[in-house]
Amino acid sequence: MNENNHNTQMLQNLIYNFEALLEKGEIGTFNKDEFEQLINFYKSNNNLDKALEIVDLAIEQFQYITDFYLIKGDLLLQNHNPEEAINYIQHCENISPYSFDIKLLKAKALSMSGNLREVEGASQRTENIFKA
């Protein structure tokens, strides 16, 4: 069995185990990488609702890891919910105020929400941070 087939089989097993636990009403414990794999799988299969459900479970289990808050913000944007996304992105920005990825996602969310004046201000603040 080559490595690609092995990885595919591992992902299928992870999905099966996750679905089985969910069906029983159990959450189970998954590590950060497993949650990310599950989120990416459902996201790539255009099942944003399931990806959002999984990211909520990940945030519940790993409440101090900003990656999941940022992923949730991104998923909410893809689900056309920029106002709620801004809350999650802002949480990340409070923890990591100099992250370019967070600034970029925030600008996208503000733009989608129609708040172009705020986008301009955020853009200028970001430029000043990276010039220093």
C-alpha atoms as a PDB file:
ATOM      1  CA  MET A   1       0.000   0.000   0.000  1.00  0.00           C
ATOM      2  CA  ASN A   2       1.512   3.317  -0.985  1.00  0.00           C
ATOM      3  CA  GLU A   3       1.546   6.340   1.323  1.00  0.00           C
ATOM      4  CA  ASN A   4      -1.321   8.140  -0.469  1.00  0.00           C
ATOM      5  CA  ASN A   5      -3.621   5.129  -0.085  1.00  0.00           C
ATOM      6  CA  HIS A   6      -2.581   4.809   3.553  1.00  0.00           C
ATOM      7  CA  ASN A   7      -3.395   8.493   4.233  1.00  0.00           C
ATOM      8  CA  THR A   8      -6.737   8.140   2.465  1.00  0.00           C
ATOM      9  CA  GLN A   9      -7.558   5.073   4.546  1.00  0.00           C
ATOM     10  CA  MET A  10      -6.587   6.889   7.757  1.00  0.00           C
ATOM     11  CA  LEU A  11      -8.834   9.834   6.830  1.00  0.00           C
ATOM     12  CA  GLN A  12     -11.722   7.492   6.027  1.00  0.00           C
ATOM     13  CA  ASN A  13     -11.277   5.776   9.394  1.00  0.00           C
ATOM     14  CA  LEU A  14     -11.188   9.144  11.160  1.00  0.00           C
ATOM     15  CA  ILE A  15     -14.389  10.247   9.433  1.00  0.00           C
ATOM     16  CA  TYR A  16     -16.085   6.936  10.203  1.00  0.00           C
ATOM     17  CA  ASN A  17     -15.075   7.108  13.887  1.00  0.00           C
ATOM     18  CA  PHE A  18     -16.193  10.720  14.159  1.00  0.00           C
ATOM     19  CA  GLU A  19     -19.568  10.023  12.534  1.00  0.00           C
ATOM     20  CA  ALA A  20     -20.118   6.941  14.721  1.00  0.00           C
ATOM     21  CA  LEU A  21     -19.432   8.910  17.901  1.00  0.00           C
ATOM     22  CA  LEU A  22     -21.639  11.765  16.739  1.00  0.00           C
ATOM     23  CA  GLU A  23     -24.474   9.362  15.960  1.00  0.00           C
ATOM     24  CA  LYS A  24     -24.232   7.980  19.511  1.00  0.00           C
ATOM     25  CA  GLY A  25     -24.332  11.502  20.909  1.00  0.00           C
ATOM     26  CA  GLU A  26     -20.759  11.266  22.102  1.00  0.00           C
ATOM     27  CA  ILE A  27     -18.162  13.835  21.221  1.00  0.00           C
ATOM     28  CA  GLY A  28     -15.017  11.884  21.887  1.00  0.00           C
ATOM     29  CA  THR A  29     -11.606  13.438  21.983  1.00  0.00           C
ATOM     30  CA  PHE A  30      -9.640  14.237  18.894  1.00  0.00           C
ATOM     31  CA  ASN A  31      -6.316  15.969  18.617  1.00  0.00           C
ATOM     32  CA  LYS A  32      -5.799  19.289  16.846  1.00  0.00           C
ATOM     33  CA  ASP A  33      -4.630  17.682  13.589  1.00  0.00           C
ATOM     34  CA  GLU A  34      -7.590  15.302  13.498  1.00  0.00           C
ATOM     35  CA  PHE A  35     -10.035  18.172  13.944  1.00  0.00           C
ATOM     36  CA  GLU A  36      -8.301  20.087  11.147  1.00  0.00           C
ATOM     37  CA  GLN A  37      -8.481  17.043   8.858  1.00  0.00           C
ATOM     38  CA  LEU A  38     -12.190  16.618   9.553  1.00  0.00           C
ATOM     39  CA  ILE A  39     -12.890  20.320   9.005  1.00  0.00           C
ATOM     40  CA  ASN A  40     -10.919  20.341   5.753  1.00  0.00           C
ATOM     41  CA  PHE A  41     -12.650  17.192   4.527  1.00  0.00           C
ATOM     42  CA  TYR A  42     -16.148  18.584   5.026  1.00  0.00           C
ATOM     43  CA  LYS A  43     -15.147  22.017   3.750  1.00  0.00           C
ATOM     44  CA  SER A  44     -13.671  20.529   0.564  1.00  0.00           C
ATOM     45  CA  ASN A  45     -16.879  18.536   0.082  1.00  0.00           C
ATOM     46  CA  ASN A  46     -18.950  21.739   0.384  1.00  0.00           C
ATOM     47  CA  ASN A  47     -20.533  20.700   3.662  1.00  0.00           C
ATOM     48  CA  LEU A  48     -19.970  23.971   5.530  1.00  0.00           C
ATOM     49  CA  ASP A  49     -22.616  23.204   8.147  1.00  0.00           C
ATOM     50  CA  LYS A  50     -20.802  20.022   9.171  1.00  0.00           C
ATOM     51  CA  ALA A  51     -17.433  21.830   9.086  1.00  0.00           C
ATOM     52  CA  LEU A  52     -18.890  24.534  11.359  1.00  0.00           C
ATOM     53  CA  GLU A  53     -20.234  21.864  13.705  1.00  0.00           C
ATOM     54  CA  ILE A  54     -16.788  20.292  13.932  1.00  0.00           C
ATOM     55  CA  VAL A  55     -14.994  23.589  14.474  1.00  0.00           C
ATOM     56  CA  ASP A  56     -17.391  24.317  17.338  1.00  0.00           C
ATOM     57  CA  LEU A  57     -16.394  21.002  18.921  1.00  0.00           C
ATOM     58  CA  ALA A  58     -12.735  21.846  18.369  1.00  0.00           C
ATOM     59  CA  ILE A  59     -13.152  25.259  20.014  1.00  0.00           C
ATOM     60  CA  GLU A  60     -14.888  23.568  22.938  1.00  0.00           C
ATOM     61  CA  GLN A  61     -11.962  21.192  23.368  1.00  0.00           C
ATOM     62  CA  PHE A  62      -9.144  23.619  22.468  1.00  0.00           C
ATOM     63  CA  GLN A  63     -10.513  26.963  23.605  1.00  0.00           C
ATOM     64  CA  TYR A  64      -7.061  28.554  23.823  1.00  0.00           C
ATOM     65  CA  ILE A  65      -5.971  27.739  20.264  1.00  0.00           C
ATOM     66  CA  THR A  66      -6.734  30.684  17.997  1.00  0.00           C
ATOM     67  CA  ASP A  67      -6.446  28.582  14.827  1.00  0.00           C
ATOM     68  CA  PHE A  68      -9.951  27.198  15.330  1.00  0.00           C
ATOM     69  CA  TYR A  69     -11.449  30.647  15.928  1.00  0.00           C
ATOM     70  CA  LEU A  70      -9.840  31.814  12.687  1.00  0.00           C
ATOM     71  CA  ILE A  71     -11.086  28.735  10.830  1.00  0.00           C
ATOM     72  CA  LYS A  72     -14.580  29.416  12.178  1.00  0.00           C
ATOM     73  CA  GLY A  73     -14.370  33.024  10.968  1.00  0.00           C
ATOM     74  CA  ASP A  74     -13.324  31.838   7.528  1.00  0.00           C
ATOM     75  CA  LEU A  75     -16.121  29.244   7.380  1.00  0.00           C
ATOM     76  CA  LEU A  76     -18.668  31.847   8.434  1.00  0.00           C
ATOM     77  CA  LEU A  77     -17.466  34.120   5.631  1.00  0.00           C
ATOM     78  CA  GLN A  78     -17.861  31.292   3.150  1.00  0.00           C
ATOM     79  CA  ASN A  79     -21.348  30.783   4.562  1.00  0.00           C
ATOM     80  CA  HIS A  80     -22.095  34.499   3.921  1.00  0.00           C
ATOM     81  CA  ASN A  81     -22.194  35.518   7.572  1.00  0.00           C
ATOM     82  CA  PRO A  82     -19.570  38.302   7.847  1.00  0.00           C
ATOM     83  CA  GLU A  83     -20.996  39.933  10.980  1.00  0.00           C
ATOM     84  CA  GLU A  84     -20.620  36.772  13.061  1.00  0.00           C
ATOM     85  CA  ALA A  85     -17.260  36.038  11.423  1.00  0.00           C
ATOM     86  CA  ILE A  86     -15.913  39.411  12.562  1.00  0.00           C
ATOM     87  CA  ASN A  87     -16.502  38.406  16.201  1.00  0.00           C
ATOM     88  CA  TYR A  88     -14.317  35.313  15.854  1.00  0.00           C
ATOM     89  CA  ILE A  89     -11.672  37.135  13.846  1.00  0.00           C
ATOM     90  CA  GLN A  90     -11.599  39.946  16.410  1.00  0.00           C
ATOM     91  CA  HIS A  91     -11.000  37.353  19.142  1.00  0.00           C
ATOM     92  CA  CYS A  92      -7.941  36.149  17.220  1.00  0.00           C
ATOM     93  CA  GLU A  93      -6.758  39.687  16.596  1.00  0.00           C
ATOM     94  CA  ASN A  94      -6.924  40.463  20.324  1.00  0.00           C
ATOM     95  CA  ILE A  95      -4.596  37.543  21.004  1.00  0.00           C
ATOM     96  CA  SER A  96      -2.317  37.982  17.998  1.00  0.00           C
ATOM     97  CA  PRO A  97      -2.599  41.619  16.864  1.00  0.00           C
ATOM     98  CA  TYR A  98       0.271  41.473  14.363  1.00  0.00           C
ATOM     99  CA  SER A  99      -0.816  38.427  12.364  1.00  0.00           C
ATOM    100  CA  PHE A 100      -1.089  39.266   8.688  1.00  0.00           C
ATOM    101  CA  ASP A 101      -3.497  36.359   8.046  1.00  0.00           C
ATOM    102  CA  ILE A 102      -5.864  37.644  10.707  1.00  0.00           C
ATOM    103  CA  LYS A 103      -5.701  41.200   9.339  1.00  0.00           C
ATOM    104  CA  LEU A 104      -6.387  39.931   5.825  1.00  0.00           C
ATOM    105  CA  LEU A 105      -9.384  37.846   6.888  1.00  0.00           C
ATOM    106  CA  LYS A 106     -10.729  40.750   8.942  1.00  0.00           C
ATOM    107  CA  ALA A 107     -10.489  43.062   5.929  1.00  0.00           C
ATOM    108  CA  LYS A 108     -12.365  40.497   3.841  1.00  0.00           C
ATOM    109  CA  ALA A 109     -15.086  40.192   6.508  1.00  0.00           C
ATOM    110  CA  LEU A 110     -15.432  43.957   6.869  1.00  0.00           C
ATOM    111  CA  SER A 111     -15.620  44.316   3.098  1.00  0.00           C
ATOM    112  CA  MET A 112     -18.311  41.637   2.850  1.00  0.00           C
ATOM    113  CA  SER A 113     -20.292  43.381   5.588  1.00  0.00           C
ATOM    114  CA  GLY A 114     -20.141  46.638   3.616  1.00  0.00           C
ATOM    115  CA  ASN A 115     -17.987  48.444   6.154  1.00  0.00           C
ATOM    116  CA  LEU A 116     -15.494  49.886   3.646  1.00  0.00           C
ATOM    117  CA  ARG A 117     -14.446  52.799   5.858  1.00  0.00           C
ATOM    118  CA  GLU A 118     -13.316  50.336   8.532  1.00  0.00           C
ATOM    119  CA  VAL A 119     -11.463  48.327   5.855  1.00  0.00           C
ATOM    120  CA  GLU A 120      -9.490  51.427   4.857  1.00  0.00           C
ATOM    121  CA  GLY A 121      -8.576  52.146   8.473  1.00  0.00           C
ATOM    122  CA  ALA A 122      -7.522  48.558   9.107  1.00  0.00           C
ATOM    123  CA  SER A 123      -5.474  48.552   5.927  1.00  0.00           C
ATOM    124  CA  GLN A 124      -3.614  51.700   6.936  1.00  0.00           C
ATOM    125  CA  ARG A 125      -2.923  50.355  10.443  1.00  0.00           C
ATOM    126  CA  THR A 126      -1.603  47.132   8.940  1.00  0.00           C
ATOM    127  CA  GLU A 127       0.713  49.008   6.583  1.00  0.00           C
ATOM    128  CA  ASN A 128       2.080  51.014   9.504  1.00  0.00           C
ATOM    129  CA  ILE A 129       2.721  47.854  11.522  1.00  0.00           C
ATOM    130  CA  PHE A 130       4.690  46.193   8.724  1.00  0.00           C
ATOM    131  CA  LYS A 131       6.671  49.337   7.875  1.00  0.00           C
ATOM    132  CA  ALA A 132       7.972  49.632  11.433  1.00  0.00           C
END
